[in-house]
Amino acid sequence: PYFIAEIGSNHNGDMDLARKLIDEVVETGADAVKFQSWSKKSLVSKAEFARNTKYADSFRHFGSLEEMVEKYQLTPQQHHEVAAYCRQKGVTFISTPFSKPEVDLLDELGIPFFKIASMDVNNLPLLVEVGAKGKPVMLSTGMATLGEMERALAVLRDAGSGAVSLLHCISIYPPKFEDINLRNIPMLQRIFDVPVV
């Protein structure tokens, strides 16, 4: 098995915490550590920022949505620092891109494959950018229909991607046992004839 430890954006924009989380991943023996690569410009629309200027829950939130996204993003320089730290610690760095600049940045950093979030299965321009890099792709399925998966696989292949696998995931955190549906894994393998993890 190939174990990927998900850090996502749980570093909270704090590089010391990011390094500590990587250290913890190394202790587990995981093969790779995965982050999320987005910015204030690529993750949330201006209209959504305008709608979310204050939160009642000040324990989990501070300021506006825009301020939180800006605080929790990894800058390009921080991406380089995190990737270098992963190399130093002997664990593979990967990340999920949300726009073309992040696709280019991750390709420059030498990630071995791209991981696409299930919310972006319908983001065809992003899939074209990822596919054009010619690397393997892991496509999350949690928020996608079978038809959307089929179209995404075709777009990635037509753009020139390497091997594509599907990631059976549940977009509810934490999922209830009855929602996990592990039998979807062989079903997706049968339908699409690609590796499913």
C-alpha atoms as a PDB file:
ATOM      1  CA  PRO A   1       0.000   0.000   0.000  1.00  0.00           C
ATOM      2  CA  TYR A   2       0.982   3.605  -0.626  1.00  0.00           C
ATOM      3  CA  PHE A   3       0.027   5.773   2.346  1.00  0.00           C
ATOM      4  CA  ILE A   4      -0.715   9.465   1.852  1.00  0.00           C
ATOM      5  CA  ALA A   5      -1.053  11.607   4.968  1.00  0.00           C
ATOM      6  CA  GLU A   6      -3.425  14.528   4.455  1.00  0.00           C
ATOM      7  CA  ILE A   7      -2.291  17.805   5.976  1.00  0.00           C
ATOM      8  CA  GLY A   8      -4.361  19.946   3.621  1.00  0.00           C
ATOM      9  CA  SER A   9      -4.439  23.426   5.101  1.00  0.00           C
ATOM     10  CA  ASN A  10      -4.226  22.297   8.732  1.00  0.00           C
ATOM     11  CA  HIS A  11      -0.911  24.136   9.024  1.00  0.00           C
ATOM     12  CA  ASN A  12      -3.024  27.318   9.387  1.00  0.00           C
ATOM     13  CA  GLY A  13      -0.451  29.301   7.433  1.00  0.00           C
ATOM     14  CA  ASP A  14       2.167  28.638  10.126  1.00  0.00           C
ATOM     15  CA  MET A  15       5.389  27.193   8.697  1.00  0.00           C
ATOM     16  CA  ASP A  16       6.569  25.896  12.073  1.00  0.00           C
ATOM     17  CA  LEU A  17       3.315  23.972  12.386  1.00  0.00           C
ATOM     18  CA  ALA A  18       3.663  22.720   8.791  1.00  0.00           C
ATOM     19  CA  ARG A  19       7.122  21.329   9.585  1.00  0.00           C
ATOM     20  CA  LYS A  20       5.851  19.774  12.814  1.00  0.00           C
ATOM     21  CA  LEU A  21       3.015  18.065  10.925  1.00  0.00           C
ATOM     22  CA  ILE A  22       5.502  16.748   8.340  1.00  0.00           C
ATOM     23  CA  ASP A  23       7.645  15.403  11.183  1.00  0.00           C
ATOM     24  CA  GLU A  24       4.594  13.607  12.584  1.00  0.00           C
ATOM     25  CA  VAL A  25       3.864  12.124   9.154  1.00  0.00           C
ATOM     26  CA  VAL A  26       7.438  10.844   8.904  1.00  0.00           C
ATOM     27  CA  GLU A  27       7.023   9.173  12.308  1.00  0.00           C
ATOM     28  CA  THR A  28       3.974   7.256  11.018  1.00  0.00           C
ATOM     29  CA  GLY A  29       5.941   5.830   8.100  1.00  0.00           C
ATOM     30  CA  ALA A  30       3.587   7.297   5.472  1.00  0.00           C
ATOM     31  CA  ASP A  31       4.945   7.463   1.927  1.00  0.00           C
ATOM     32  CA  ALA A  32       3.686  10.944   1.070  1.00  0.00           C
ATOM     33  CA  VAL A  33       2.288  14.060   2.645  1.00  0.00           C
ATOM     34  CA  LYS A  34      -0.437  16.014   0.852  1.00  0.00           C
ATOM     35  CA  PHE A  35      -1.168  19.702   1.104  1.00  0.00           C
ATOM     36  CA  GLN A  36      -3.646  21.969  -0.709  1.00  0.00           C
ATOM     37  CA  SER A  37      -2.425  24.621  -3.115  1.00  0.00           C
ATOM     38  CA  TRP A  38      -4.732  27.596  -3.422  1.00  0.00           C
ATOM     39  CA  SER A  39      -4.687  31.333  -2.975  1.00  0.00           C
ATOM     40  CA  LYS A  40      -7.139  34.088  -2.215  1.00  0.00           C
ATOM     41  CA  LYS A  41      -7.614  34.512  -5.971  1.00  0.00           C
ATOM     42  CA  SER A  42      -8.111  30.857  -6.842  1.00  0.00           C
ATOM     43  CA  LEU A  43     -10.236  29.400  -4.034  1.00  0.00           C
ATOM     44  CA  VAL A  44     -13.172  31.717  -3.385  1.00  0.00           C
ATOM     45  CA  SER A  45     -15.108  34.190  -5.516  1.00  0.00           C
ATOM     46  CA  LYS A  46     -15.318  37.888  -4.683  1.00  0.00           C
ATOM     47  CA  ALA A  47     -19.071  37.495  -4.199  1.00  0.00           C
ATOM     48  CA  GLU A  48     -18.502  34.782  -1.572  1.00  0.00           C
ATOM     49  CA  PHE A  49     -15.963  36.965   0.209  1.00  0.00           C
ATOM     50  CA  ALA A  50     -18.535  39.794   0.226  1.00  0.00           C
ATOM     51  CA  ARG A  51     -21.167  37.496   1.785  1.00  0.00           C
ATOM     52  CA  ASN A  52     -18.864  36.248   4.560  1.00  0.00           C
ATOM     53  CA  THR A  53     -17.422  39.217   6.369  1.00  0.00           C
ATOM     54  CA  LYS A  54     -18.132  38.180   9.977  1.00  0.00           C
ATOM     55  CA  TYR A  55     -18.613  34.964  11.931  1.00  0.00           C
ATOM     56  CA  ALA A  56     -20.460  34.374  15.194  1.00  0.00           C
ATOM     57  CA  ASP A  57     -18.079  31.529  16.085  1.00  0.00           C
ATOM     58  CA  SER A  58     -14.925  33.453  17.020  1.00  0.00           C
ATOM     59  CA  PHE A  59     -13.256  30.302  18.402  1.00  0.00           C
ATOM     60  CA  ARG A  60     -12.985  28.710  14.952  1.00  0.00           C
ATOM     61  CA  HIS A  61     -13.022  31.875  12.834  1.00  0.00           C
ATOM     62  CA  PHE A  62     -11.388  35.250  12.874  1.00  0.00           C
ATOM     63  CA  GLY A  63     -12.079  38.307  10.768  1.00  0.00           C
ATOM     64  CA  SER A  64     -13.632  37.805   7.355  1.00  0.00           C
ATOM     65  CA  LEU A  65     -13.501  34.796   5.040  1.00  0.00           C
ATOM     66  CA  GLU A  66     -11.055  36.715   2.860  1.00  0.00           C
ATOM     67  CA  GLU A  67      -8.743  37.327   5.822  1.00  0.00           C
ATOM     68  CA  MET A  68      -8.850  33.660   6.829  1.00  0.00           C
ATOM     69  CA  VAL A  69      -8.158  32.390   3.302  1.00  0.00           C
ATOM     70  CA  GLU A  70      -5.237  34.790   2.969  1.00  0.00           C
ATOM     71  CA  LYS A  71      -3.824  33.695   6.339  1.00  0.00           C
ATOM     72  CA  TYR A  72      -4.166  29.950   5.655  1.00  0.00           C
ATOM     73  CA  GLN A  73      -2.852  29.841   2.087  1.00  0.00           C
ATOM     74  CA  LEU A  74       0.670  28.696   1.267  1.00  0.00           C
ATOM     75  CA  THR A  75       2.551  31.266  -0.790  1.00  0.00           C
ATOM     76  CA  PRO A  76       4.753  30.072  -3.664  1.00  0.00           C
ATOM     77  CA  GLN A  77       7.814  30.602  -1.438  1.00  0.00           C
ATOM     78  CA  GLN A  78       6.217  28.531   1.333  1.00  0.00           C
ATOM     79  CA  HIS A  79       5.490  25.782  -1.206  1.00  0.00           C
ATOM     80  CA  HIS A  80       9.198  25.662  -2.016  1.00  0.00           C
ATOM     81  CA  GLU A  81      10.058  25.539   1.701  1.00  0.00           C
ATOM     82  CA  VAL A  82       7.573  22.739   2.409  1.00  0.00           C
ATOM     83  CA  ALA A  83       8.698  20.696  -0.602  1.00  0.00           C
ATOM     84  CA  ALA A  84      12.358  21.100   0.410  1.00  0.00           C
ATOM     85  CA  TYR A  85      11.569  20.070   3.985  1.00  0.00           C
ATOM     86  CA  CYS A  86       9.744  16.964   2.740  1.00  0.00           C
ATOM     87  CA  ARG A  87      12.783  16.023   0.621  1.00  0.00           C
ATOM     88  CA  GLN A  88      15.044  16.550   3.631  1.00  0.00           C
ATOM     89  CA  LYS A  89      12.815  14.272   5.726  1.00  0.00           C
ATOM     90  CA  GLY A  90      12.521  11.586   3.039  1.00  0.00           C
ATOM     91  CA  VAL A  91       8.764  11.853   2.443  1.00  0.00           C
ATOM     92  CA  THR A  92       7.113  12.656  -0.897  1.00  0.00           C
ATOM     93  CA  PHE A  93       5.464  16.076  -1.212  1.00  0.00           C
ATOM     94  CA  ILE A  94       2.202  16.276  -3.118  1.00  0.00           C
ATOM     95  CA  SER A  95      -0.578  18.824  -3.196  1.00  0.00           C
ATOM     96  CA  THR A  96      -3.986  19.486  -4.710  1.00  0.00           C
ATOM     97  CA  PRO A  97      -4.019  22.470  -7.110  1.00  0.00           C
ATOM     98  CA  PHE A  98      -7.052  24.696  -7.595  1.00  0.00           C
ATOM     99  CA  SER A  99      -5.953  26.826 -10.573  1.00  0.00           C
ATOM    100  CA  LYS A 100      -3.411  27.028 -13.389  1.00  0.00           C
ATOM    101  CA  PRO A 101      -0.767  28.965 -11.382  1.00  0.00           C
ATOM    102  CA  GLU A 102      -0.802  26.226  -8.743  1.00  0.00           C
ATOM    103  CA  VAL A 103      -0.626  23.491 -11.399  1.00  0.00           C
ATOM    104  CA  ASP A 104       2.460  25.186 -12.841  1.00  0.00           C
ATOM    105  CA  LEU A 105       4.010  25.677  -9.390  1.00  0.00           C
ATOM    106  CA  LEU A 106       3.496  22.041  -8.378  1.00  0.00           C
ATOM    107  CA  ASP A 107       4.892  20.834 -11.694  1.00  0.00           C
ATOM    108  CA  GLU A 108       7.946  23.040 -11.154  1.00  0.00           C
ATOM    109  CA  LEU A 109       8.352  21.500  -7.693  1.00  0.00           C
ATOM    110  CA  GLY A 110       8.465  18.041  -9.256  1.00  0.00           C
ATOM    111  CA  ILE A 111       5.442  16.396  -7.683  1.00  0.00           C
ATOM    112  CA  PRO A 112       5.140  12.787  -8.899  1.00  0.00           C
ATOM    113  CA  PHE A 113       1.394  13.043  -9.584  1.00  0.00           C
ATOM    114  CA  PHE A 114      -1.505  15.459  -9.345  1.00  0.00           C
ATOM    115  CA  LYS A 115      -4.447  14.942  -7.007  1.00  0.00           C
ATOM    116  CA  ILE A 116      -7.696  16.603  -8.066  1.00  0.00           C
ATOM    117  CA  ALA A 117     -10.372  17.490  -5.499  1.00  0.00           C
ATOM    118  CA  SER A 118     -13.810  16.071  -6.207  1.00  0.00           C
ATOM    119  CA  MET A 119     -15.272  19.583  -6.273  1.00  0.00           C
ATOM    120  CA  ASP A 120     -13.113  20.176  -9.370  1.00  0.00           C
ATOM    121  CA  VAL A 121     -14.203  17.121 -11.366  1.00  0.00           C
ATOM    122  CA  ASN A 122     -16.339  19.604 -13.345  1.00  0.00           C
ATOM    123  CA  ASN A 123     -13.566  22.202 -13.619  1.00  0.00           C
ATOM    124  CA  LEU A 124     -12.655  21.258 -17.174  1.00  0.00           C
ATOM    125  CA  PRO A 125     -10.103  24.065 -17.742  1.00  0.00           C
ATOM    126  CA  LEU A 126      -8.225  22.901 -14.629  1.00  0.00           C
ATOM    127  CA  LEU A 127      -8.335  19.286 -15.831  1.00  0.00           C
ATOM    128  CA  VAL A 128      -6.890  20.346 -19.200  1.00  0.00           C
ATOM    129  CA  GLU A 129      -4.032  22.188 -17.445  1.00  0.00           C
ATOM    130  CA  VAL A 130      -3.292  19.180 -15.238  1.00  0.00           C
ATOM    131  CA  GLY A 131      -3.536  16.688 -18.107  1.00  0.00           C
ATOM    132  CA  ALA A 132      -1.195  18.747 -20.254  1.00  0.00           C
ATOM    133  CA  LYS A 133       1.602  18.213 -17.719  1.00  0.00           C
ATOM    134  CA  GLY A 134       1.658  14.512 -18.693  1.00  0.00           C
ATOM    135  CA  LYS A 135       1.866  13.263 -15.111  1.00  0.00           C
ATOM    136  CA  PRO A 136      -0.297  10.632 -13.413  1.00  0.00           C
ATOM    137  CA  VAL A 137      -3.497  11.945 -11.863  1.00  0.00           C
ATOM    138  CA  MET A 138      -5.546  10.821  -8.859  1.00  0.00           C
ATOM    139  CA  LEU A 139      -9.123  12.039  -9.287  1.00  0.00           C
ATOM    140  CA  SER A 140     -11.364  12.230  -6.212  1.00  0.00           C
ATOM    141  CA  THR A 141     -14.936  11.070  -6.716  1.00  0.00           C
ATOM    142  CA  GLY A 142     -16.724  12.183  -3.533  1.00  0.00           C
ATOM    143  CA  MET A 143     -18.851  14.922  -5.096  1.00  0.00           C
ATOM    144  CA  ALA A 144     -19.058  13.515  -8.645  1.00  0.00           C
ATOM    145  CA  THR A 145     -21.626  11.529 -10.570  1.00  0.00           C
ATOM    146  CA  LEU A 146     -20.605   8.647 -12.831  1.00  0.00           C
ATOM    147  CA  GLY A 147     -21.195  10.841 -15.878  1.00  0.00           C
ATOM    148  CA  GLU A 148     -18.993  13.578 -14.458  1.00  0.00           C
ATOM    149  CA  MET A 149     -16.242  11.043 -13.742  1.00  0.00           C
ATOM    150  CA  GLU A 150     -16.479   9.717 -17.294  1.00  0.00           C
ATOM    151  CA  ARG A 151     -16.180  13.211 -18.761  1.00  0.00           C
ATOM    152  CA  ALA A 152     -13.278  14.123 -16.454  1.00  0.00           C
ATOM    153  CA  LEU A 153     -11.361  10.972 -17.407  1.00  0.00           C
ATOM    154  CA  ALA A 154     -11.868  11.775 -21.106  1.00  0.00           C
ATOM    155  CA  VAL A 155     -10.723  15.399 -20.653  1.00  0.00           C
ATOM    156  CA  LEU A 156      -7.597  14.344 -18.760  1.00  0.00           C
ATOM    157  CA  ARG A 157      -6.692  11.704 -21.346  1.00  0.00           C
ATOM    158  CA  ASP A 158      -7.328  14.023 -24.289  1.00  0.00           C
ATOM    159  CA  ALA A 159      -5.088  16.632 -22.651  1.00  0.00           C
ATOM    160  CA  GLY A 160      -2.234  14.108 -22.403  1.00  0.00           C
ATOM    161  CA  SER A 161      -2.230  13.057 -18.763  1.00  0.00           C
ATOM    162  CA  GLY A 162      -0.335  10.061 -17.520  1.00  0.00           C
ATOM    163  CA  ALA A 163      -2.200   7.177 -15.909  1.00  0.00           C
ATOM    164  CA  VAL A 164      -5.371   8.239 -14.106  1.00  0.00           C
ATOM    165  CA  SER A 165      -6.752   6.571 -11.000  1.00  0.00           C
ATOM    166  CA  LEU A 166      -9.955   7.284  -9.132  1.00  0.00           C
ATOM    167  CA  LEU A 167      -9.997   7.945  -5.405  1.00  0.00           C
ATOM    168  CA  HIS A 168     -13.137   6.680  -3.716  1.00  0.00           C
ATOM    169  CA  CYS A 169     -13.797   9.283  -1.064  1.00  0.00           C
ATOM    170  CA  ILE A 170     -16.663  10.541   1.025  1.00  0.00           C
ATOM    171  CA  SER A 171     -17.105  14.312   1.093  1.00  0.00           C
ATOM    172  CA  ILE A 172     -18.587  14.293   4.582  1.00  0.00           C
ATOM    173  CA  TYR A 173     -16.157  14.666   7.471  1.00  0.00           C
ATOM    174  CA  PRO A 174     -16.226  12.466   9.419  1.00  0.00           C
ATOM    175  CA  PRO A 175     -18.398  10.075   7.387  1.00  0.00           C
ATOM    176  CA  LYS A 176     -20.993   7.834   8.961  1.00  0.00           C
ATOM    177  CA  PHE A 177     -20.277   4.131   8.571  1.00  0.00           C
ATOM    178  CA  GLU A 178     -23.373   3.639   6.416  1.00  0.00           C
ATOM    179  CA  ASP A 179     -22.143   6.315   3.968  1.00  0.00           C
ATOM    180  CA  ILE A 180     -18.714   4.804   3.262  1.00  0.00           C
ATOM    181  CA  ASN A 181     -19.918   2.389   0.539  1.00  0.00           C
ATOM    182  CA  LEU A 182     -16.664   0.501  -0.054  1.00  0.00           C
ATOM    183  CA  ARG A 183     -18.396  -1.577  -2.744  1.00  0.00           C
ATOM    184  CA  ASN A 184     -18.146   1.509  -4.920  1.00  0.00           C
ATOM    185  CA  ILE A 185     -14.458   0.660  -5.388  1.00  0.00           C
ATOM    186  CA  PRO A 186     -14.971  -2.535  -7.457  1.00  0.00           C
ATOM    187  CA  MET A 187     -17.975  -0.920  -9.177  1.00  0.00           C
ATOM    188  CA  LEU A 188     -15.865   2.017 -10.352  1.00  0.00           C
ATOM    189  CA  GLN A 189     -13.089  -0.374 -11.473  1.00  0.00           C
ATOM    190  CA  ARG A 190     -15.610  -2.344 -13.534  1.00  0.00           C
ATOM    191  CA  ILE A 191     -17.124   0.723 -15.148  1.00  0.00           C
ATOM    192  CA  PHE A 192     -13.978   2.718 -15.921  1.00  0.00           C
ATOM    193  CA  ASP A 193     -11.249   0.061 -16.056  1.00  0.00           C
ATOM    194  CA  VAL A 194      -8.812   2.226 -14.079  1.00  0.00           C
ATOM    195  CA  PRO A 195      -7.211   1.723 -10.675  1.00  0.00           C
ATOM    196  CA  VAL A 196      -9.501   2.789  -7.843  1.00  0.00           C
ATOM    197  CA  VAL A 197      -8.197   3.470  -4.352  1.00  0.00           C
END
